[in-house]
Structure formats: structure tokens, C-alpha cells
Protein backbone atom coordinates (compact mmCIF):
# COMPACT_ATOMS: atom_id res chain seq x y z
CA MET A 1 21.10 1.07 -6.02
CA SER A 2 18.50 2.81 -3.97
CA GLU A 3 19.16 3.76 -0.45
CA ARG A 4 17.17 1.41 1.77
CA ILE A 5 15.75 3.40 4.96
CA VAL A 6 14.00 1.57 8.06
CA GLN A 7 12.73 4.27 10.33
CA ARG A 8 9.38 5.71 11.73
CA GLY A 9 7.18 8.68 10.89
CA LEU A 10 9.54 11.13 8.74
CA TRP A 11 9.31 14.69 8.70
CA PHE A 12 9.24 16.38 5.06
CA GLU A 13 13.03 16.79 5.39
CA GLU A 14 13.78 13.12 5.99
CA TYR A 15 12.23 11.86 2.85
CA ASP A 16 15.19 11.13 0.14
CA ILE A 17 14.12 10.79 -3.47
CA GLY A 18 14.88 7.37 -4.77
CA ALA A 19 15.06 5.94 -1.38
CA ILE A 20 13.05 2.44 -1.19
CA TYR A 21 11.50 2.28 2.52
CA GLU A 22 10.67 -1.62 3.26
CA HIS A 23 8.07 -2.24 5.57
CA ARG A 24 8.17 -4.97 8.00
CA PRO A 25 6.41 -7.39 9.29
CA GLY A 26 4.42 -8.42 6.28
CA ARG A 27 0.78 -9.67 6.60
CA THR A 28 -0.62 -13.08 5.76
CA VAL A 29 -3.86 -12.41 4.46
CA THR A 30 -6.95 -14.76 5.36
CA GLU A 31 -10.12 -15.63 3.68
CA ALA A 32 -11.69 -13.92 6.85
CA ASP A 33 -10.18 -10.81 5.86
CA ASN A 34 -11.38 -11.09 2.63
CA VAL A 35 -14.78 -12.05 3.16
CA LEU A 36 -15.23 -9.31 5.92
CA PHE A 37 -13.86 -6.69 3.89
CA THR A 38 -15.84 -7.74 0.73
CA THR A 39 -19.23 -7.55 2.56
CA LEU A 40 -18.16 -4.45 4.76
CA THR A 41 -17.59 -2.93 1.60
CA MET A 42 -20.63 -4.24 -0.14
CA ASN A 43 -18.44 -5.73 -3.04
CA THR A 44 -20.79 -8.58 -4.13
CA GLN A 45 -18.19 -9.96 -6.88
CA ALA A 46 -18.59 -13.64 -6.71
CA LEU A 47 -14.55 -14.06 -7.19
CA HIS A 48 -14.19 -12.86 -3.64
CA LEU A 49 -17.18 -14.41 -1.79
CA ASP A 50 -18.51 -17.67 -3.94
CA ALA A 51 -15.90 -20.37 -3.38
CA ALA A 52 -17.88 -22.91 -5.82
CA TRP A 53 -18.23 -20.56 -8.28
CA SER A 54 -14.83 -19.53 -8.36
CA ALA A 55 -13.52 -22.66 -8.40
CA GLN A 56 -15.16 -23.19 -11.98
CA GLN A 57 -13.72 -20.36 -13.31
CA PRO A 58 -10.52 -20.46 -15.46
CA GLY A 59 -6.88 -18.90 -14.48
CA PHE A 60 -7.02 -18.86 -10.86
CA GLY A 61 -6.75 -22.72 -10.07
CA GLY A 62 -10.19 -22.92 -8.36
CA GLN A 63 -8.98 -20.13 -5.76
CA ARG A 64 -11.12 -17.04 -4.76
CA LEU A 65 -9.33 -13.60 -5.12
CA ILE A 66 -8.47 -11.70 -2.40
CA ASN A 67 -10.25 -7.90 -2.89
CA SER A 68 -7.77 -5.53 -4.80
CA MET A 69 -8.79 -2.65 -2.50
CA PHE A 70 -7.87 -4.73 0.59
CA THR A 71 -5.09 -5.34 -1.16
CA LEU A 72 -4.29 -1.12 -1.98
CA SER A 73 -5.39 -0.45 1.79
CA THR A 74 -2.89 -3.08 3.25
CA ILE A 75 0.03 -1.76 1.44
CA VAL A 76 -0.61 1.63 2.16
CA GLY A 77 -1.26 0.60 5.95
CA LEU A 78 1.99 -1.20 5.92
CA SER A 79 3.83 1.92 5.39
CA VAL A 80 2.00 4.35 8.02
CA ALA A 81 4.19 3.43 11.11
CA GLN A 82 7.28 3.45 9.27
CA LEU A 83 6.90 6.90 7.01
CA THR A 84 3.49 8.89 8.26
CA GLN A 85 2.66 7.89 11.62
CA GLY A 86 2.28 11.64 13.38
CA THR A 87 3.73 13.32 10.24
CA LEU A 88 1.02 13.21 7.87
CA VAL A 89 -1.29 16.15 7.09
CA ALA A 90 -3.70 14.46 4.43
CA ASN A 91 -3.64 12.05 1.59
CA LEU A 92 -3.99 14.04 -1.24
CA GLY A 93 -4.93 11.20 -3.69
CA PHE A 94 -3.49 8.23 -5.85
CA GLY A 95 -2.50 8.40 -9.54
CA GLU A 96 -1.58 5.10 -11.16
CA VAL A 97 -3.29 1.93 -9.57
CA ALA A 98 -2.50 -1.54 -10.91
CA PHE A 99 -2.76 -5.16 -9.58
CA PRO A 100 -0.33 -7.26 -12.03
CA ALA A 101 -1.08 -10.60 -10.11
CA PRO A 102 -3.36 -11.93 -7.95
CA LEU A 103 -3.40 -12.56 -4.10
CA PHE A 104 -4.76 -15.47 -2.70
CA ALA A 105 -5.75 -16.69 1.18
CA GLY A 106 -2.50 -17.71 2.66
CA ASP A 107 -0.44 -15.70 0.62
CA THR A 108 2.10 -13.27 3.00
CA LEU A 109 1.52 -9.37 1.66
CA TYR A 110 5.08 -7.35 1.97
CA GLY A 111 4.88 -3.83 1.34
CA GLU A 112 7.45 -1.13 0.38
CA THR A 113 7.74 2.61 -0.84
CA GLU A 114 9.90 4.27 -3.20
CA CYS A 115 10.16 8.18 -2.86
CA THR A 116 9.43 9.50 -6.13
CA GLY A 117 9.57 13.59 -5.62
CA LYS A 118 8.83 16.23 -3.10
CA ARG A 119 8.33 19.70 -3.03
CA GLU A 120 7.61 22.43 -0.48
CA SER A 121 4.23 23.51 -0.26
CA LYS A 122 3.59 27.09 -1.88
CA SER A 123 0.09 27.56 -0.15
CA ARG A 124 1.05 25.77 3.35
CA PRO A 125 4.17 26.89 5.20
CA GLY A 126 5.83 24.25 7.31
CA GLU A 127 4.13 21.25 4.80
CA GLY A 128 5.52 19.89 1.99
CA ILE A 129 3.72 17.46 -0.88
CA VAL A 130 5.60 14.10 -1.18
CA ASN A 131 5.00 11.74 -3.98
CA LEU A 132 5.49 8.05 -3.12
CA THR A 133 4.89 4.57 -5.07
CA HIS A 134 3.51 1.82 -3.03
CA ILE A 135 4.37 -1.76 -4.00
CA GLY A 136 3.11 -4.87 -2.77
CA ARG A 137 4.96 -8.22 -2.91
CA ASN A 138 3.81 -12.07 -2.09
CA GLN A 139 5.72 -14.21 -0.41
CA HIS A 140 7.60 -15.16 -3.66
CA GLY A 141 8.44 -11.57 -4.41
CA GLU A 142 5.89 -11.03 -7.27
CA ILE A 143 4.43 -8.02 -7.38
CA VAL A 144 0.93 -7.90 -6.53
CA ALA A 145 0.21 -4.43 -6.34
CA ARG A 146 1.21 -1.04 -7.35
CA ALA A 147 -0.06 2.40 -6.73
CA THR A 148 1.40 6.04 -6.71
CA ARG A 149 0.13 8.46 -3.99
CA SER A 150 0.45 12.08 -3.09
CA THR A 151 0.68 13.15 0.36
CA LEU A 152 0.91 16.25 2.52
CA VAL A 153 3.84 16.04 5.49
CA ARG A 154 4.73 18.13 7.96
CA LYS A 155 8.17 19.56 8.17
CA ARG A 156 10.62 19.22 11.19
CA PRO A 157 9.14 21.76 14.19
CA VAL A 158 11.54 24.56 14.59
CA GLU A 159 13.09 23.83 18.04
């Protein structure tokens, strides 16, 4: 069983490989969130915007889907206060991103992050690379998003 830790802004040394960090509170997603994010990002996918058209499509019970990029952004955002606030240097990139189940308006999104690896930076003294897997679950515990991410994090300052 993995250790679960609740705290904020981890220095490189504080990340434990295999630990799962649960991010609370969750975020109940609204129709307004979906429409605003979708239109701000110029995503004209009818599955996000057109209720009448979406109601005629099979597979989603006549509901509009929450924009998957909103879902991804939110699960990363849920982790910030606990893991990277004030300690992150840079987001180095994302690896695998998957959305195994849909998210709908009215669902509550919960995030958790597993530290899957870390190493000291070879080129940047005082910093290290931390590999993370972000998971988003709905209120039923069903995984709606998963993403791997590489970050550059500060080491604890020398006192």
C-alpha cells in the first residue's frame, strides 16, 4: 500500500516515490465552466457546445461532454497548492494523457498524484526532476483522466 501524504509545496527532497498525494477539496464542474473554457480556447466541438445536437448522439445519454482539456487542466490545478506552490521551477512536459471515462456538468472532479520517480538535475544545481502521474476521478471514484508529467522542482534551500 502506498503512503498518502497531505501537505503543501514540496521541496525536491520531500517527494516520496510511490506516494499518492490526494488533493482536496474537489471541484464540481458546471455547464458554465465547460462553455467558457471551450469558447475561450476556440474549440468548436459540438459535443461541448450544442445541447440539441449532443442529445441526438449515442453513448452519452444526451449530455454534453466536459472539454477534456478543461479536465486535464483542473486535475493539474488541484495539485498545485499541495505539491508545487512556490517550489516548481518549470513544467517540463506531459507524456501519456488518457480520458477513460466521460465527465459531465454536475460531476465533482477529485485529483490525486503519484510520484513515479525523481532525480537530481545534472545541469541545474539546487533543482531536481520529479515525475508525476495525475489521476482525476469523478464522485463515484471512476477514473476520468490520467496524465504523466515531468517537472523541475527546487531543492530545499540551504539554511
